[in-house]
Structure formats: C-alpha cells, structure tokens
C-alpha cells in the first residue's frame, strides 16, 4: 500500500503522481499556532505501507519544518518506509566554503533531510562540485533526468531547431537533449560575475543561420543567463529564441526579464510556475513502480 501526501503548494503534482501510479492520495492538515510554530496532522492512516511526501524544495524555508514533522508522524503512525519526492532539490548552491566562516548549507541540509527519510527521489539536481548525490546524502537517492522531455518538446514543437547549452559544463546534457530532438547543438561560454550578472561568449554560429535557437538550462534562477544569451543571439541576427528549462525558479523579475527577449519560455513542473508545460509525474511514478 502506497500513500502519497502533498505538502502545501504541491497538491496538483501529488494528485498527478498518485493517478499515474494508481496509488492512494492523502492529505495533511497544516497551520500555524499564534506564536508562529507549525502544526501538522496526517489525515490518512499509513496502514503499515509506504508514504511518499511530495514537496518541491524551492523556497523551502517556510515549509521545511512541516515536512520533517510530517515524515516523523508518518513513521510514528506505522509507515514502514517514508520517502521524499522532491522534483526540485534545494540547497545545492552553497557546496563549498568560499569565505572564512561560511556555512556549507548543502551538507547541512542533506544531513537534516537524511535524518527523517529513507529515500530521496529528485530530478536533475544541480551537482556542481559533487559527482553524485551519494556524496551528500547517506540515504538512498534516485536521480531522474528531464532531458528526454525537453528534447521531445523541441522535436515536436520547433522546426529546424538549434539546441544551445549555457556553458561548457552543459555539453553532455545539451548533447542528450539535442539527440532526442534530432537537432544540432552548441554550447556558450559563461562567466558569472556575482550572484546575478553573467557575461556570455558565443561560438561561431554563422553556419546555423536559418535555424531556430532554443536555449536550454537546468535552473533559471536570476534569469540572467537566458536573458543575456538571448540578447547576444538576437544581435547575431537570430530570431528571439525559445527557452526550455527544467527548474523554473525565476526569482524577483527574472521571468519578465527573460520573456522580454525570448519568443516563449517553457519548463517542467518541478517548481510550480506559469511556464510549466512538461509534466514530471509520469517519470517519477515509473521510477517508484520499479
């Protein structure tokens, strides 16, 4: 018996996941006490089965304690296994101590999550200085990839596409998306300046004129990478590009900055956002059923 429980804001994703897998969909009661502390109650009996808590870990600070309380309650009320379904895995940015005294939040967060869950299922975590999630998380981790979804969308929706990765590190990923799309690909050279500014260098793209540029990225946070690359492509004589991203964080006015220079922007539903066009529930359900 499998029970799927969404944290607040994840109800639609959890319903699609339960439907895709033919599992029971439950619910939680969550609220705040007058002093701001979190209240959590399971409204469904785990019945000695598996509980999957669904929570995209974008902007997680407000709901993290509720997530941990729900996991502990599920175990206390008989769940034999408690899993975290996190389509987006947060706290992967600070994976190194850059300045004396800095907290390496990725390792701290992994320790907190691993203390309450048996297994973590996520999609395209932003692994930069780690080869795998296993270096961070001592629990079992399942990493799924959205490249085939992006590639199929490009193949089905864009005529004569040119897939463009944001930097040299994206070469293998961009190649995978392009192969699924049946399109050529190139990668740009990116230099990040601070948290929100980037400089982009384009390769020689003259042989690709006449193709439709499609910028891809795993995470769109400040939006500067996509917006800067789009402006550079337009200056090179290309039409406004389409943009396809896995995780649509888009903080502040980032989405407006990108849509001002892009033809359209689509994303997976790992983070609830108006750009969501690609559903991850079937991908995750297939991994859970295996």
Protein backbone atom coordinates (compact mmCIF):
# COMPACT_ATOMS: atom_id res chain seq x y z
CA UNK A 1 0.00 0.00 0.00
CA UNK A 2 1.40 3.38 -1.03
CA UNK A 3 0.13 6.72 0.30
CA UNK A 4 1.04 9.96 -1.48
CA UNK A 5 0.92 13.05 0.74
CA UNK A 6 1.49 16.58 -0.57
CA UNK A 7 2.94 19.44 1.41
CA UNK A 8 1.13 22.78 0.87
CA UNK A 9 1.57 24.01 -2.70
CA UNK A 10 2.26 20.53 -4.04
CA UNK A 11 -1.32 19.23 -4.25
CA UNK A 12 -1.59 19.21 -8.04
CA UNK A 13 1.71 17.41 -8.54
CA UNK A 14 0.85 14.84 -5.87
CA UNK A 15 -2.56 14.18 -7.42
CA UNK A 16 -0.96 13.59 -10.83
CA UNK A 17 1.64 11.31 -9.27
CA UNK A 18 -0.96 9.24 -7.41
CA UNK A 19 -3.08 8.95 -10.54
CA UNK A 20 -0.08 7.94 -12.69
CA UNK A 21 0.87 5.19 -10.26
CA UNK A 22 -2.60 4.11 -9.20
CA UNK A 23 -1.82 4.93 -5.57
CA UNK A 24 -3.81 6.38 -2.69
CA UNK A 25 -3.78 10.18 -2.41
CA UNK A 26 -3.95 11.57 1.10
CA UNK A 27 -3.72 14.98 2.69
CA UNK A 28 -2.20 16.84 5.58
CA UNK A 29 -3.63 19.47 7.87
CA UNK A 30 -1.09 22.22 8.37
CA UNK A 31 -1.40 25.58 10.08
CA UNK A 32 0.46 27.95 12.36
CA UNK A 33 -0.09 28.44 16.06
CA UNK A 34 -0.50 32.06 17.22
CA UNK A 35 3.22 32.17 18.04
CA UNK A 36 4.12 31.09 14.50
CA UNK A 37 5.04 27.48 15.27
CA UNK A 38 3.96 24.76 12.84
CA UNK A 39 1.07 22.34 13.37
CA UNK A 40 0.91 19.15 11.26
CA UNK A 41 -1.62 16.32 11.28
CA UNK A 42 -1.88 13.30 8.98
CA UNK A 43 -5.47 12.92 7.83
CA UNK A 44 -4.88 9.41 6.46
CA UNK A 45 -3.61 6.23 8.12
CA UNK A 46 -0.33 4.98 6.58
CA UNK A 47 -1.53 1.45 7.36
CA UNK A 48 1.94 -0.03 7.59
CA UNK A 49 2.72 0.86 3.98
CA UNK A 50 4.97 3.28 2.10
CA UNK A 51 4.43 7.02 2.48
CA UNK A 52 5.68 9.39 -0.22
CA UNK A 53 5.78 13.02 0.90
CA UNK A 54 5.70 15.30 -2.14
CA UNK A 55 7.42 18.65 -1.77
CA UNK A 56 9.31 20.73 -4.30
CA UNK A 57 12.21 22.15 -2.30
CA UNK A 58 12.17 25.58 -3.93
CA UNK A 59 11.69 28.36 -1.37
CA UNK A 60 11.61 25.59 1.18
CA UNK A 61 12.32 27.57 4.35
CA UNK A 62 8.65 28.28 5.16
CA UNK A 63 7.58 24.65 4.90
CA UNK A 64 10.66 22.64 5.85
CA UNK A 65 9.69 22.07 9.48
CA UNK A 66 6.23 20.90 8.40
CA UNK A 67 7.92 18.45 6.03
CA UNK A 68 10.07 16.98 8.80
CA UNK A 69 7.14 16.83 11.24
CA UNK A 70 5.01 15.04 8.63
CA UNK A 71 7.76 12.49 7.96
CA UNK A 72 8.18 11.76 11.65
CA UNK A 73 4.41 11.49 12.18
CA UNK A 74 4.07 9.07 9.24
CA UNK A 75 6.71 6.81 10.76
CA UNK A 76 5.20 7.04 14.25
CA UNK A 77 1.79 6.02 12.88
CA UNK A 78 3.08 2.88 11.22
CA UNK A 79 4.65 3.71 7.85
CA UNK A 80 7.30 1.10 7.09
CA UNK A 81 9.06 3.45 4.67
CA UNK A 82 8.95 7.23 4.31
CA UNK A 83 10.22 8.77 1.08
CA UNK A 84 10.73 12.34 -0.05
CA UNK A 85 9.60 13.14 -3.60
CA UNK A 86 11.36 16.41 -4.32
CA UNK A 87 11.09 17.28 -8.03
CA UNK A 88 13.39 20.20 -7.29
CA UNK A 89 16.15 19.73 -4.72
CA UNK A 90 17.09 22.96 -2.99
CA UNK A 91 20.16 23.97 -1.03
CA UNK A 92 22.61 22.73 -3.65
CA UNK A 93 24.15 26.14 -4.36
CA UNK A 94 26.49 26.51 -1.37
CA UNK A 95 28.56 23.35 -1.88
CA UNK A 96 31.87 24.89 -0.85
CA UNK A 97 33.21 27.35 1.69
CA UNK A 98 34.20 30.36 -0.39
CA UNK A 99 34.81 32.75 2.53
CA UNK A 100 36.03 32.02 6.06
CA UNK A 101 33.14 31.29 8.41
CA UNK A 102 30.60 30.38 5.71
CA UNK A 103 28.18 27.53 6.36
CA UNK A 104 28.27 24.83 3.67
CA UNK A 105 24.50 24.62 3.56
CA UNK A 106 24.29 21.75 1.06
CA UNK A 107 25.88 19.31 3.51
CA UNK A 108 23.88 20.62 6.48
CA UNK A 109 20.63 20.35 4.57
CA UNK A 110 21.45 16.82 3.39
CA UNK A 111 22.07 15.76 6.99
CA UNK A 112 18.70 17.17 8.12
CA UNK A 113 16.76 15.52 5.28
CA UNK A 114 18.53 12.19 5.67
CA UNK A 115 17.60 12.02 9.34
CA UNK A 116 13.89 11.81 8.52
CA UNK A 117 13.61 9.94 5.21
CA UNK A 118 14.52 6.51 3.88
CA UNK A 119 14.81 7.55 0.25
CA UNK A 120 15.03 10.74 -1.82
CA UNK A 121 13.71 10.93 -5.39
CA UNK A 122 14.56 14.06 -7.36
CA UNK A 123 15.05 15.40 -10.89
CA UNK A 124 18.28 16.89 -12.25
CA UNK A 125 19.84 18.18 -9.02
CA UNK A 126 22.39 20.91 -9.55
CA UNK A 127 25.53 18.87 -8.91
CA UNK A 128 28.48 21.15 -9.41
CA UNK A 129 31.32 20.03 -7.16
CA UNK A 130 29.87 16.62 -6.31
CA UNK A 131 29.86 13.68 -8.69
CA UNK A 132 26.66 12.24 -7.24
CA UNK A 133 24.06 12.86 -4.53
CA UNK A 134 25.54 9.90 -2.69
CA UNK A 135 28.46 12.12 -1.71
CA UNK A 136 25.99 14.32 0.18
CA UNK A 137 23.11 12.07 1.21
CA UNK A 138 23.73 8.85 3.17
CA UNK A 139 20.21 7.61 2.37
CA UNK A 140 19.22 6.00 -0.93
CA UNK A 141 18.82 8.58 -3.69
CA UNK A 142 17.16 8.25 -7.09
CA UNK A 143 18.10 10.90 -9.66
CA UNK A 144 15.87 11.24 -12.71
CA UNK A 145 16.55 13.29 -15.83
CA UNK A 146 14.30 15.63 -17.80
CA UNK A 147 16.49 15.81 -20.93
CA UNK A 148 14.23 13.40 -22.89
CA UNK A 149 11.17 15.54 -22.06
CA UNK A 150 12.87 18.73 -23.24
CA UNK A 151 14.17 17.00 -26.34
CA UNK A 152 10.78 15.62 -27.31
CA UNK A 153 9.15 19.01 -26.80
CA UNK A 154 11.73 20.65 -29.07
CA UNK A 155 11.30 17.90 -31.70
CA UNK A 156 7.51 18.19 -31.67
CA UNK A 157 7.12 21.96 -31.41
CA UNK A 158 10.01 23.65 -33.21
CA UNK A 159 11.01 23.49 -36.86
CA UNK A 160 14.77 23.30 -37.61
CA UNK A 161 15.90 23.87 -34.02
CA UNK A 162 19.40 24.60 -32.81
CA UNK A 163 19.85 23.49 -29.19
CA UNK A 164 22.08 25.85 -27.21
CA UNK A 165 23.59 24.98 -23.84
CA UNK A 166 24.53 27.82 -21.47
CA UNK A 167 28.13 26.83 -20.69
CA UNK A 168 30.84 24.23 -21.22
CA UNK A 169 29.62 22.20 -18.24
CA UNK A 170 26.31 21.64 -20.04
CA UNK A 171 27.93 19.96 -23.05
CA UNK A 172 26.84 16.40 -22.25
CA UNK A 173 23.37 17.45 -21.17
CA UNK A 174 22.86 19.67 -24.23
CA UNK A 175 24.01 16.80 -26.45
CA UNK A 176 21.43 14.50 -24.83
CA UNK A 177 18.60 17.00 -25.35
CA UNK A 178 19.70 17.61 -28.95
CA UNK A 179 19.88 13.89 -29.72
CA UNK A 180 16.31 13.43 -28.52
CA UNK A 181 15.25 16.44 -30.59
CA UNK A 182 17.15 15.29 -33.69
CA UNK A 183 18.92 18.64 -33.82
CA UNK A 184 22.47 20.03 -33.73
CA UNK A 185 23.72 21.67 -30.57
CA UNK A 186 26.32 24.19 -29.45
CA UNK A 187 27.38 25.48 -26.05
CA UNK A 188 28.21 29.00 -24.97
CA UNK A 189 30.94 30.21 -22.65
CA UNK A 190 29.63 31.81 -19.49
CA UNK A 191 31.44 33.86 -16.89
CA UNK A 192 29.43 34.59 -13.76
CA UNK A 193 30.01 37.94 -12.08
CA UNK A 194 28.41 37.92 -8.64
CA UNK A 195 25.04 36.30 -7.90
CA UNK A 196 23.04 37.83 -10.73
CA UNK A 197 25.29 39.06 -13.56
CA UNK A 198 26.87 36.98 -16.31
CA UNK A 199 28.91 37.53 -19.45
CA UNK A 200 28.33 35.26 -22.45
CA UNK A 201 30.67 34.43 -25.30
CA UNK A 202 29.17 32.84 -28.41
CA UNK A 203 30.97 30.43 -30.74
CA UNK A 204 30.90 31.00 -34.49
CA UNK A 205 27.24 30.37 -35.35
CA UNK A 206 27.22 31.53 -38.98
CA UNK A 207 26.62 28.02 -40.30
CA UNK A 208 23.44 27.76 -38.20
CA UNK A 209 21.68 30.86 -39.51
CA UNK A 210 18.20 29.88 -40.62
CA UNK A 211 17.72 27.58 -37.66
CA UNK A 212 15.54 28.38 -34.66
CA UNK A 213 17.64 28.84 -31.49
CA UNK A 214 16.45 27.03 -28.37
CA UNK A 215 18.21 27.97 -25.16
CA UNK A 216 18.14 25.23 -22.53
CA UNK A 217 19.15 25.36 -18.88
CA UNK A 218 18.70 23.17 -15.83
CA UNK A 219 17.85 26.03 -13.47
CA UNK A 220 16.54 29.51 -14.24
CA UNK A 221 17.01 31.50 -11.05
CA UNK A 222 18.06 35.09 -11.70
CA UNK A 223 17.28 34.62 -15.41
CA UNK A 224 20.46 36.48 -16.36
CA UNK A 225 21.97 33.55 -18.26
CA UNK A 226 18.95 33.13 -20.52
CA UNK A 227 18.33 36.85 -20.99
CA UNK A 228 21.97 37.66 -21.76
CA UNK A 229 22.29 34.76 -24.20
CA UNK A 230 19.02 35.70 -25.92
CA UNK A 231 20.18 39.27 -26.47
CA UNK A 232 23.51 38.06 -27.86
CA UNK A 233 21.73 35.71 -30.29
CA UNK A 234 19.41 38.47 -31.49
CA UNK A 235 22.43 40.74 -32.02
CA UNK A 236 23.93 37.96 -34.18
CA UNK A 237 20.89 38.03 -36.45
CA UNK A 238 18.91 35.13 -34.99
CA UNK A 239 15.22 35.43 -34.12
CA UNK A 240 14.21 35.69 -30.47
CA UNK A 241 14.96 32.23 -29.08
CA UNK A 242 12.68 29.77 -27.35
CA UNK A 243 13.81 28.83 -23.84
CA UNK A 244 13.30 25.45 -22.19
CA UNK A 245 14.34 24.93 -18.57
CA UNK A 246 13.98 22.14 -16.05
CA UNK A 247 13.59 24.12 -12.83
CA UNK A 248 11.71 27.43 -13.13
CA UNK A 249 12.82 29.31 -10.01
CA UNK A 250 12.65 32.80 -11.59
CA UNK A 251 13.23 34.98 -8.54
CA UNK A 252 12.14 38.62 -8.49
CA UNK A 253 11.56 39.99 -12.01
CA UNK A 254 13.62 37.24 -13.67
CA UNK A 255 10.73 35.82 -15.68
CA UNK A 256 9.82 39.24 -17.06
CA UNK A 257 13.46 39.84 -17.99
CA UNK A 258 13.58 36.60 -19.96
CA UNK A 259 10.18 36.86 -21.66
CA UNK A 260 11.10 40.36 -22.84
CA UNK A 261 13.77 38.88 -25.14
CA UNK A 262 12.52 35.31 -25.72
CA UNK A 263 9.86 34.03 -28.08
CA UNK A 264 8.48 31.73 -25.36
CA UNK A 265 9.61 30.07 -22.16
CA UNK A 266 8.59 26.59 -21.05
CA UNK A 267 9.59 24.49 -18.06
CA UNK A 268 8.87 21.25 -16.27
CA UNK A 269 6.53 21.36 -13.29
CA UNK A 270 9.28 20.63 -10.75
CA UNK A 271 8.56 24.13 -9.40
CA UNK A 272 5.00 25.48 -9.78
CA UNK A 273 5.20 28.34 -12.29
CA UNK A 274 3.11 29.78 -15.16
CA UNK A 275 5.73 28.46 -17.63
CA UNK A 276 5.10 24.81 -16.66
CA UNK A 277 4.43 22.77 -19.79
CA UNK A 278 6.16 19.42 -19.16
CA UNK A 279 4.77 17.01 -16.55
CA UNK A 280 7.19 15.04 -14.38
CA UNK A 281 4.67 12.88 -12.51
CA UNK A 282 4.75 10.01 -15.07
CA UNK A 283 8.57 9.96 -14.94
CA UNK A 284 8.60 9.77 -11.14
CA UNK A 285 5.75 7.27 -10.98
CA UNK A 286 7.64 4.94 -13.30
CA UNK A 287 10.72 5.13 -11.05
CA UNK A 288 8.67 4.44 -7.92
CA UNK A 289 6.92 1.46 -9.51
CA UNK A 290 10.20 -0.16 -10.49
